[in-house]
Amino acid sequence: MLGKITKIVKGIDRNVCPYAALNIKGRYMDIDEDVLKEISIGGKRSVAVTIFPLYSRCSPEERKKEYKKRNLIPVDPYALAKFVRDNPGVIRDRDIVTQWKDGGKKWCTLEFKTVTPYAYPVNMRPQSYLLTKMRRLKENEYIQTSWLAGIKK
């Protein structure tokens, strides 16, 4: 499939608390603490993470269909954080997203983004920064996605 990237992620530490797993040096954190408390820490210590492009605003259900087309399921937050930590060159200039349903069956998302503040005049723009964002989506909320991250079913 054109544009997909697969990397083996080894040594995923599932013994650390979720905040420590997501805290990556050089990234700002915008984390919903209620969502953070509910993420699953279980899973394998090594997985093959595949990221693939999806340049559109889409709902979680639409993203779910894109995963299914590729015989993938969303990667868990611990594995995605390790992927980002191990592959800074791969994720530069790519926003990478995974999603899951929480205990209340509401969609949640983890996004690793590069943010460029465009609200400033060109000559006064601050430098781009890296952001880790985790939140619960509102019902029927669409988000801009550039790359989805998944693992084989």
N, C-alpha and C. Protein backbone atom coordinates (compact mmCIF):
# COMPACT_ATOMS: atom_id res chain seq x y z
N MET A 1 0.85 -1.18 0.00
CA MET A 1 0.00 0.00 0.00
C MET A 1 0.89 1.24 0.00
N LEU A 2 0.63 2.13 -0.90
CA LEU A 2 1.43 3.33 -1.06
C LEU A 2 1.37 4.21 0.18
N GLY A 3 2.54 4.61 0.65
CA GLY A 3 2.61 5.58 1.72
C GLY A 3 2.61 5.01 3.13
N LYS A 4 2.39 3.74 3.29
CA LYS A 4 2.39 3.22 4.66
C LYS A 4 3.81 2.97 5.12
N ILE A 5 4.01 3.05 6.42
CA ILE A 5 5.31 2.82 7.05
C ILE A 5 5.08 1.85 8.19
N THR A 6 5.85 0.76 8.23
CA THR A 6 5.75 -0.20 9.32
C THR A 6 7.10 -0.31 10.01
N LYS A 7 7.07 -0.24 11.32
CA LYS A 7 8.28 -0.36 12.13
C LYS A 7 8.00 -1.32 13.29
N ILE A 8 8.98 -2.16 13.60
CA ILE A 8 8.88 -3.02 14.77
C ILE A 8 9.22 -2.18 15.99
N VAL A 9 8.34 -2.19 16.97
CA VAL A 9 8.56 -1.45 18.21
C VAL A 9 8.84 -2.48 19.30
N LYS A 10 10.03 -2.41 19.87
CA LYS A 10 10.44 -3.39 20.89
C LYS A 10 10.61 -2.70 22.24
N GLY A 11 10.46 -3.48 23.28
CA GLY A 11 10.73 -2.99 24.64
C GLY A 11 9.69 -2.02 25.16
N ILE A 12 8.44 -2.24 24.84
CA ILE A 12 7.37 -1.38 25.35
C ILE A 12 7.24 -1.67 26.85
N ASP A 13 7.47 -0.65 27.66
CA ASP A 13 7.44 -0.83 29.12
C ASP A 13 6.01 -0.65 29.61
N ARG A 14 5.36 -1.73 29.89
CA ARG A 14 3.96 -1.70 30.34
C ARG A 14 3.86 -1.62 31.86
N ASN A 15 5.00 -1.48 32.53
CA ASN A 15 4.99 -1.39 33.99
C ASN A 15 4.98 0.05 34.49
N VAL A 16 5.19 1.01 33.60
CA VAL A 16 5.17 2.42 34.03
C VAL A 16 3.74 2.94 33.99
N CYS A 17 3.50 4.02 34.74
CA CYS A 17 2.17 4.62 34.73
C CYS A 17 1.92 5.25 33.36
N PRO A 18 0.65 5.42 32.97
CA PRO A 18 0.34 5.98 31.64
C PRO A 18 1.01 7.33 31.37
N TYR A 19 1.04 8.21 32.38
CA TYR A 19 1.66 9.53 32.16
C TYR A 19 3.13 9.38 31.79
N ALA A 20 3.84 8.50 32.48
CA ALA A 20 5.26 8.29 32.19
C ALA A 20 5.44 7.70 30.79
N ALA A 21 4.53 6.83 30.38
CA ALA A 21 4.64 6.23 29.05
C ALA A 21 4.48 7.28 27.95
N LEU A 22 3.62 8.26 28.18
CA LEU A 22 3.33 9.28 27.16
C LEU A 22 4.25 10.48 27.22
N ASN A 23 4.96 10.66 28.32
CA ASN A 23 5.81 11.84 28.50
C ASN A 23 7.10 11.67 27.71
N ILE A 24 7.18 12.35 26.58
CA ILE A 24 8.34 12.25 25.69
C ILE A 24 9.07 13.58 25.70
N LYS A 25 10.37 13.52 25.94
CA LYS A 25 11.19 14.74 26.02
C LYS A 25 10.99 15.61 24.78
N GLY A 26 10.79 16.90 25.03
CA GLY A 26 10.66 17.86 23.93
C GLY A 26 9.24 18.04 23.43
N ARG A 27 8.27 17.36 24.04
CA ARG A 27 6.87 17.47 23.60
C ARG A 27 6.04 18.10 24.71
N TYR A 28 5.19 19.03 24.35
CA TYR A 28 4.22 19.57 25.28
C TYR A 28 3.11 18.55 25.46
N MET A 29 2.52 18.51 26.65
CA MET A 29 1.46 17.54 26.93
C MET A 29 0.14 18.28 27.14
N ASP A 30 -0.89 17.84 26.46
CA ASP A 30 -2.26 18.32 26.66
C ASP A 30 -3.10 17.07 26.86
N ILE A 31 -3.19 16.61 28.09
CA ILE A 31 -3.75 15.31 28.42
C ILE A 31 -4.99 15.47 29.29
N ASP A 32 -6.08 14.84 28.90
CA ASP A 32 -7.29 14.78 29.71
C ASP A 32 -7.04 13.72 30.79
N GLU A 33 -6.95 14.15 32.03
CA GLU A 33 -6.60 13.23 33.13
C GLU A 33 -7.61 12.10 33.28
N ASP A 34 -8.89 12.37 33.02
CA ASP A 34 -9.90 11.31 33.14
C ASP A 34 -9.69 10.22 32.09
N VAL A 35 -9.31 10.62 30.90
CA VAL A 35 -9.02 9.64 29.84
C VAL A 35 -7.75 8.87 30.18
N LEU A 36 -6.75 9.58 30.67
CA LEU A 36 -5.47 8.96 31.03
C LEU A 36 -5.67 7.84 32.05
N LYS A 37 -6.56 8.06 33.03
CA LYS A 37 -6.81 7.06 34.08
C LYS A 37 -7.39 5.77 33.51
N GLU A 38 -8.06 5.85 32.36
CA GLU A 38 -8.78 4.70 31.83
C GLU A 38 -8.03 3.92 30.75
N ILE A 39 -6.87 4.40 30.30
CA ILE A 39 -6.24 3.68 29.19
C ILE A 39 -5.71 2.33 29.65
N SER A 40 -5.76 1.39 28.75
CA SER A 40 -5.31 0.03 29.02
C SER A 40 -3.78 -0.02 28.97
N ILE A 41 -3.19 -0.67 29.95
CA ILE A 41 -1.73 -0.80 29.94
C ILE A 41 -1.29 -2.17 29.45
N GLY A 42 -2.24 -3.07 29.22
CA GLY A 42 -1.91 -4.42 28.78
C GLY A 42 -1.49 -4.45 27.33
N GLY A 43 -0.86 -5.54 26.95
CA GLY A 43 -0.45 -5.71 25.56
C GLY A 43 0.93 -6.32 25.48
N LYS A 44 1.37 -6.51 24.26
CA LYS A 44 2.68 -7.13 24.01
C LYS A 44 3.81 -6.13 24.23
N ARG A 45 4.99 -6.65 24.48
CA ARG A 45 6.18 -5.80 24.65
C ARG A 45 6.81 -5.43 23.31
N SER A 46 6.45 -6.17 22.26
CA SER A 46 6.93 -5.87 20.90
C SER A 46 5.76 -5.98 19.93
N VAL A 47 5.61 -4.99 19.06
CA VAL A 47 4.56 -5.02 18.04
C VAL A 47 5.07 -4.34 16.77
N ALA A 48 4.47 -4.70 15.65
CA ALA A 48 4.75 -4.02 14.39
C ALA A 48 3.70 -2.93 14.22
N VAL A 49 4.12 -1.68 14.32
CA VAL A 49 3.20 -0.54 14.19
C VAL A 49 3.23 -0.06 12.74
N THR A 50 2.06 0.07 12.17
CA THR A 50 1.92 0.58 10.80
C THR A 50 1.22 1.92 10.87
N ILE A 51 1.82 2.92 10.22
CA ILE A 51 1.12 4.20 10.08
C ILE A 51 0.78 4.36 8.60
N PHE A 52 -0.38 4.94 8.34
CA PHE A 52 -0.82 5.13 6.96
C PHE A 52 -1.53 6.47 6.85
N PRO A 53 -1.42 7.11 5.68
CA PRO A 53 -1.99 8.45 5.51
C PRO A 53 -3.51 8.41 5.34
N LEU A 54 -4.13 9.42 5.90
CA LEU A 54 -5.58 9.62 5.74
C LEU A 54 -5.81 11.12 5.91
N TYR A 55 -5.65 11.84 4.82
CA TYR A 55 -5.69 13.31 4.88
C TYR A 55 -7.11 13.82 4.74
N SER A 56 -7.87 13.74 5.81
CA SER A 56 -9.23 14.26 5.76
C SER A 56 -9.77 14.43 7.16
N ARG A 57 -10.85 15.21 7.23
CA ARG A 57 -11.58 15.32 8.49
C ARG A 57 -12.54 14.14 8.52
N CYS A 58 -12.45 13.33 9.54
CA CYS A 58 -13.34 12.17 9.58
C CYS A 58 -13.71 11.81 11.01
N SER A 59 -14.80 11.10 11.12
CA SER A 59 -15.30 10.67 12.42
C SER A 59 -14.56 9.42 12.86
N PRO A 60 -14.67 9.07 14.14
CA PRO A 60 -14.07 7.82 14.60
C PRO A 60 -14.59 6.59 13.84
N GLU A 61 -15.86 6.59 13.50
CA GLU A 61 -16.43 5.46 12.76
C GLU A 61 -15.82 5.36 11.36
N GLU A 62 -15.58 6.50 10.72
CA GLU A 62 -14.93 6.49 9.40
C GLU A 62 -13.49 6.00 9.51
N ARG A 63 -12.79 6.42 10.56
CA ARG A 63 -11.42 5.95 10.78
C ARG A 63 -11.42 4.45 11.05
N LYS A 64 -12.43 3.97 11.77
CA LYS A 64 -12.55 2.53 12.05
C LYS A 64 -12.64 1.73 10.75
N LYS A 65 -13.37 2.26 9.77
CA LYS A 65 -13.48 1.60 8.46
C LYS A 65 -12.14 1.58 7.73
N GLU A 66 -11.37 2.66 7.87
CA GLU A 66 -10.05 2.72 7.22
C GLU A 66 -9.10 1.67 7.82
N TYR A 67 -9.18 1.49 9.13
CA TYR A 67 -8.38 0.43 9.76
C TYR A 67 -8.79 -0.93 9.20
N LYS A 68 -10.09 -1.16 9.14
CA LYS A 68 -10.60 -2.45 8.69
C LYS A 68 -10.16 -2.77 7.26
N LYS A 69 -10.18 -1.76 6.38
CA LYS A 69 -9.74 -1.94 4.98
C LYS A 69 -8.31 -2.49 4.92
N ARG A 70 -7.51 -2.13 5.89
CA ARG A 70 -6.08 -2.50 5.90
C ARG A 70 -5.78 -3.68 6.82
N ASN A 71 -6.85 -4.31 7.35
CA ASN A 71 -6.71 -5.43 8.27
C ASN A 71 -5.90 -5.03 9.51
N LEU A 72 -6.18 -3.83 10.00
CA LEU A 72 -5.51 -3.30 11.19
C LEU A 72 -6.53 -2.96 12.26
N ILE A 73 -6.03 -2.84 13.49
CA ILE A 73 -6.80 -2.27 14.58
C ILE A 73 -5.97 -1.12 15.15
N PRO A 74 -6.59 -0.15 15.82
CA PRO A 74 -5.81 0.95 16.38
C PRO A 74 -4.76 0.45 17.37
N VAL A 75 -3.58 1.02 17.29
CA VAL A 75 -2.50 0.68 18.21
C VAL A 75 -2.81 1.28 19.57
N ASP A 76 -2.37 0.63 20.64
CA ASP A 76 -2.63 1.16 21.98
C ASP A 76 -1.69 2.33 22.28
N PRO A 77 -2.07 3.20 23.22
CA PRO A 77 -1.26 4.40 23.51
C PRO A 77 0.18 4.10 23.93
N TYR A 78 0.41 3.06 24.71
CA TYR A 78 1.78 2.73 25.14
C TYR A 78 2.66 2.41 23.93
N ALA A 79 2.15 1.58 23.03
CA ALA A 79 2.94 1.19 21.85
C ALA A 79 3.16 2.38 20.93
N LEU A 80 2.15 3.23 20.76
CA LEU A 80 2.32 4.40 19.89
C LEU A 80 3.33 5.37 20.48
N ALA A 81 3.28 5.58 21.78
CA ALA A 81 4.25 6.48 22.41
C ALA A 81 5.68 5.96 22.22
N LYS A 82 5.87 4.66 22.34
CA LYS A 82 7.20 4.07 22.13
C LYS A 82 7.62 4.22 20.67
N PHE A 83 6.68 4.04 19.74
CA PHE A 83 6.95 4.24 18.31
C PHE A 83 7.44 5.67 18.06
N VAL A 84 6.75 6.64 18.64
CA VAL A 84 7.11 8.05 18.47
C VAL A 84 8.48 8.33 19.08
N ARG A 85 8.72 7.78 20.26
CA ARG A 85 10.00 7.99 20.95
C ARG A 85 11.16 7.40 20.14
N ASP A 86 10.94 6.23 19.55
CA ASP A 86 12.00 5.53 18.82
C ASP A 86 12.22 6.03 17.39
N ASN A 87 11.25 6.74 16.83
CA ASN A 87 11.30 7.13 15.41
C ASN A 87 11.02 8.61 15.20
N PRO A 88 11.80 9.48 15.81
CA PRO A 88 11.51 10.92 15.67
C PRO A 88 11.56 11.40 14.22
N GLY A 89 12.42 10.82 13.40
CA GLY A 89 12.51 11.23 12.00
C GLY A 89 11.28 10.84 11.19
N VAL A 90 10.67 9.71 11.54
CA VAL A 90 9.49 9.25 10.82
C VAL A 90 8.28 10.14 11.12
N ILE A 91 8.18 10.58 12.36
CA ILE A 91 6.98 11.34 12.72
C ILE A 91 7.10 12.84 12.48
N ARG A 92 8.29 13.32 12.22
CA ARG A 92 8.45 14.75 11.95
C ARG A 92 7.56 15.13 10.78
N ASP A 93 6.79 16.18 10.92
CA ASP A 93 5.87 16.68 9.88
C ASP A 93 4.69 15.74 9.61
N ARG A 94 4.46 14.80 10.49
CA ARG A 94 3.27 13.94 10.37
C ARG A 94 2.52 14.00 11.70
N ASP A 95 1.22 14.22 11.65
CA ASP A 95 0.39 14.08 12.83
C ASP A 95 -0.09 12.64 12.85
N ILE A 96 0.15 11.93 13.94
CA ILE A 96 -0.18 10.51 14.04
C ILE A 96 -1.22 10.33 15.13
N VAL A 97 -2.26 9.55 14.81
CA VAL A 97 -3.42 9.41 15.69
C VAL A 97 -3.75 7.94 15.90
N THR A 98 -4.19 7.61 17.11
CA THR A 98 -4.84 6.34 17.39
C THR A 98 -6.11 6.63 18.17
N GLN A 99 -6.99 5.66 18.25
CA GLN A 99 -8.28 5.87 18.91
C GLN A 99 -8.72 4.60 19.61
N TRP A 100 -9.64 4.74 20.57
CA TRP A 100 -10.22 3.61 21.29
C TRP A 100 -11.49 4.09 21.97
N LYS A 101 -12.28 3.14 22.44
CA LYS A 101 -13.47 3.49 23.22
C LYS A 101 -13.16 3.27 24.69
N ASP A 102 -13.60 4.22 25.52
CA ASP A 102 -13.38 4.11 26.96
C ASP A 102 -14.45 3.21 27.58
N GLY A 103 -14.43 3.11 28.90
CA GLY A 103 -15.38 2.26 29.61
C GLY A 103 -16.83 2.66 29.40
N GLY A 104 -17.07 3.94 29.12
CA GLY A 104 -18.42 4.44 28.86
C GLY A 104 -18.78 4.38 27.39
N LYS A 105 -17.95 3.71 26.60
CA LYS A 105 -18.17 3.54 25.15
C LYS A 105 -18.11 4.85 24.38
N LYS A 106 -17.31 5.80 24.88
CA LYS A 106 -17.08 7.06 24.15
C LYS A 106 -15.71 6.98 23.49
N TRP A 107 -15.63 7.56 22.30
CA TRP A 107 -14.36 7.55 21.57
C TRP A 107 -13.34 8.46 22.23
N CYS A 108 -12.12 7.96 22.32
CA CYS A 108 -10.99 8.74 22.82
C CYS A 108 -9.90 8.71 21.75
N THR A 109 -9.03 9.68 21.81
CA THR A 109 -7.97 9.77 20.81
C THR A 109 -6.66 10.21 21.46
N LEU A 110 -5.57 9.71 20.91
CA LEU A 110 -4.22 10.14 21.27
C LEU A 110 -3.58 10.64 19.99
N GLU A 111 -3.13 11.89 20.01
CA GLU A 111 -2.54 12.51 18.83
C GLU A 111 -1.13 12.99 19.16
N PHE A 112 -0.21 12.68 18.28
CA PHE A 112 1.14 13.25 18.34
C PHE A 112 1.22 14.21 17.17
N LYS A 113 1.35 15.50 17.47
CA LYS A 113 1.21 16.54 16.45
C LYS A 113 2.40 17.49 16.45
N THR A 114 2.58 18.13 15.28
CA THR A 114 3.46 19.28 15.17
C THR A 114 2.54 20.47 14.97
N VAL A 115 2.63 21.44 15.86
CA VAL A 115 1.72 22.59 15.84
C VAL A 115 2.49 23.83 15.40
N THR A 116 1.95 24.50 14.39
CA THR A 116 2.50 25.78 13.94
C THR A 116 1.44 26.84 14.18
N PRO A 117 1.69 27.76 15.09
CA PRO A 117 0.69 28.78 15.38
C PRO A 117 0.59 29.80 14.25
N TYR A 118 -0.49 29.75 13.49
CA TYR A 118 -0.67 30.63 12.35
C TYR A 118 -1.41 31.92 12.69
N ALA A 119 -1.78 32.10 13.93
CA ALA A 119 -2.55 33.28 14.30
C ALA A 119 -1.68 34.55 14.37
N TYR A 120 -0.38 34.38 14.25
CA TYR A 120 0.54 35.51 14.33
C TYR A 120 0.92 35.98 12.93
N PRO A 121 1.30 37.26 12.78
CA PRO A 121 1.85 37.70 11.49
C PRO A 121 3.10 36.87 11.17
N VAL A 122 3.35 36.64 9.90
CA VAL A 122 4.44 35.75 9.47
C VAL A 122 5.76 36.08 10.15
N ASN A 123 6.12 37.34 10.24
CA ASN A 123 7.42 37.71 10.80
C ASN A 123 7.47 37.59 12.32
N MET A 124 6.34 37.32 12.97
CA MET A 124 6.31 37.22 14.43
C MET A 124 5.91 35.82 14.91
N ARG A 125 5.77 34.88 14.00
CA ARG A 125 5.33 33.52 14.39
C ARG A 125 6.35 32.85 15.29
N PRO A 126 5.85 32.28 16.40
CA PRO A 126 6.76 31.46 17.21
C PRO A 126 7.10 30.18 16.45
N GLN A 127 8.14 29.54 16.87
CA GLN A 127 8.57 28.30 16.23
C GLN A 127 7.51 27.21 16.45
N SER A 128 7.43 26.30 15.51
CA SER A 128 6.54 25.15 15.67
C SER A 128 6.93 24.37 16.92
N TYR A 129 5.97 23.67 17.49
CA TYR A 129 6.28 22.85 18.66
C TYR A 129 5.58 21.50 18.54
N LEU A 130 6.09 20.53 19.28
CA LEU A 130 5.56 19.18 19.26
C LEU A 130 4.58 19.03 20.42
N LEU A 131 3.45 18.40 20.14
CA LEU A 131 2.39 18.28 21.13
C LEU A 131 1.91 16.84 21.22
N THR A 132 1.72 16.36 22.43
CA THR A 132 1.05 15.10 22.69
C THR A 132 -0.30 15.45 23.27
N LYS A 133 -1.37 15.03 22.61
CA LYS A 133 -2.71 15.41 23.03
C LYS A 133 -3.57 14.16 23.20
N MET A 134 -4.22 14.04 24.35
CA MET A 134 -5.13 12.92 24.60
C MET A 134 -6.44 13.50 25.10
N ARG A 135 -7.55 13.02 24.52
CA ARG A 135 -8.84 13.55 24.94
C ARG A 135 -9.97 12.62 24.56
N ARG A 136 -11.13 12.90 25.16
CA ARG A 136 -12.36 12.20 24.83
C ARG A 136 -13.07 13.06 23.79
N LEU A 137 -13.54 12.43 22.72
CA LEU A 137 -14.21 13.19 21.66
C LEU A 137 -15.67 13.44 22.01
N LYS A 138 -16.17 14.56 21.55
CA LYS A 138 -17.60 14.84 21.69
C LYS A 138 -18.36 13.97 20.69
N GLU A 139 -19.61 13.72 20.97
CA GLU A 139 -20.41 12.90 20.07
C GLU A 139 -20.43 13.52 18.67
N ASN A 140 -20.21 12.69 17.66
CA ASN A 140 -20.19 13.11 16.25
C ASN A 140 -19.09 14.12 15.93
N GLU A 141 -18.03 14.17 16.72
CA GLU A 141 -16.93 15.11 16.46
C GLU A 141 -16.02 14.55 15.37
N TYR A 142 -15.67 15.40 14.45
CA TYR A 142 -14.72 15.06 13.39
C TYR A 142 -13.40 15.70 13.75
N ILE A 143 -12.29 14.99 13.50
CA ILE A 143 -10.98 15.60 13.70
C ILE A 143 -10.17 15.45 12.43
N GLN A 144 -9.26 16.38 12.25
CA GLN A 144 -8.35 16.32 11.11
C GLN A 144 -7.31 15.24 11.39
N THR A 145 -7.19 14.32 10.50
CA THR A 145 -6.24 13.23 10.65
C THR A 145 -5.27 13.26 9.48
N SER A 146 -3.99 13.09 9.77
CA SER A 146 -3.08 12.94 8.66
C SER A 146 -2.57 11.51 8.55
N TRP A 147 -2.20 10.88 9.67
CA TRP A 147 -1.74 9.50 9.65
C TRP A 147 -2.39 8.74 10.79
N LEU A 148 -2.90 7.56 10.50
CA LEU A 148 -3.44 6.68 11.54
C LEU A 148 -2.40 5.62 11.87
N ALA A 149 -2.39 5.18 13.12
CA ALA A 149 -1.44 4.15 13.56
C ALA A 149 -2.20 2.91 13.99
N GLY A 150 -1.75 1.76 13.50
CA GLY A 150 -2.43 0.52 13.83
C GLY A 150 -1.48 -0.65 13.90
N ILE A 151 -2.04 -1.78 14.33
CA ILE A 151 -1.32 -3.05 14.34
C ILE A 151 -2.21 -4.09 13.68
N LYS A 152 -1.62 -5.20 13.23
CA LYS A 152 -2.39 -6.27 12.58
C LYS A 152 -3.40 -6.84 13.56
N LYS A 153 -4.57 -7.22 13.00
CA LYS A 153 -5.62 -7.85 13.83
C LYS A 153 -5.14 -9.15 14.39
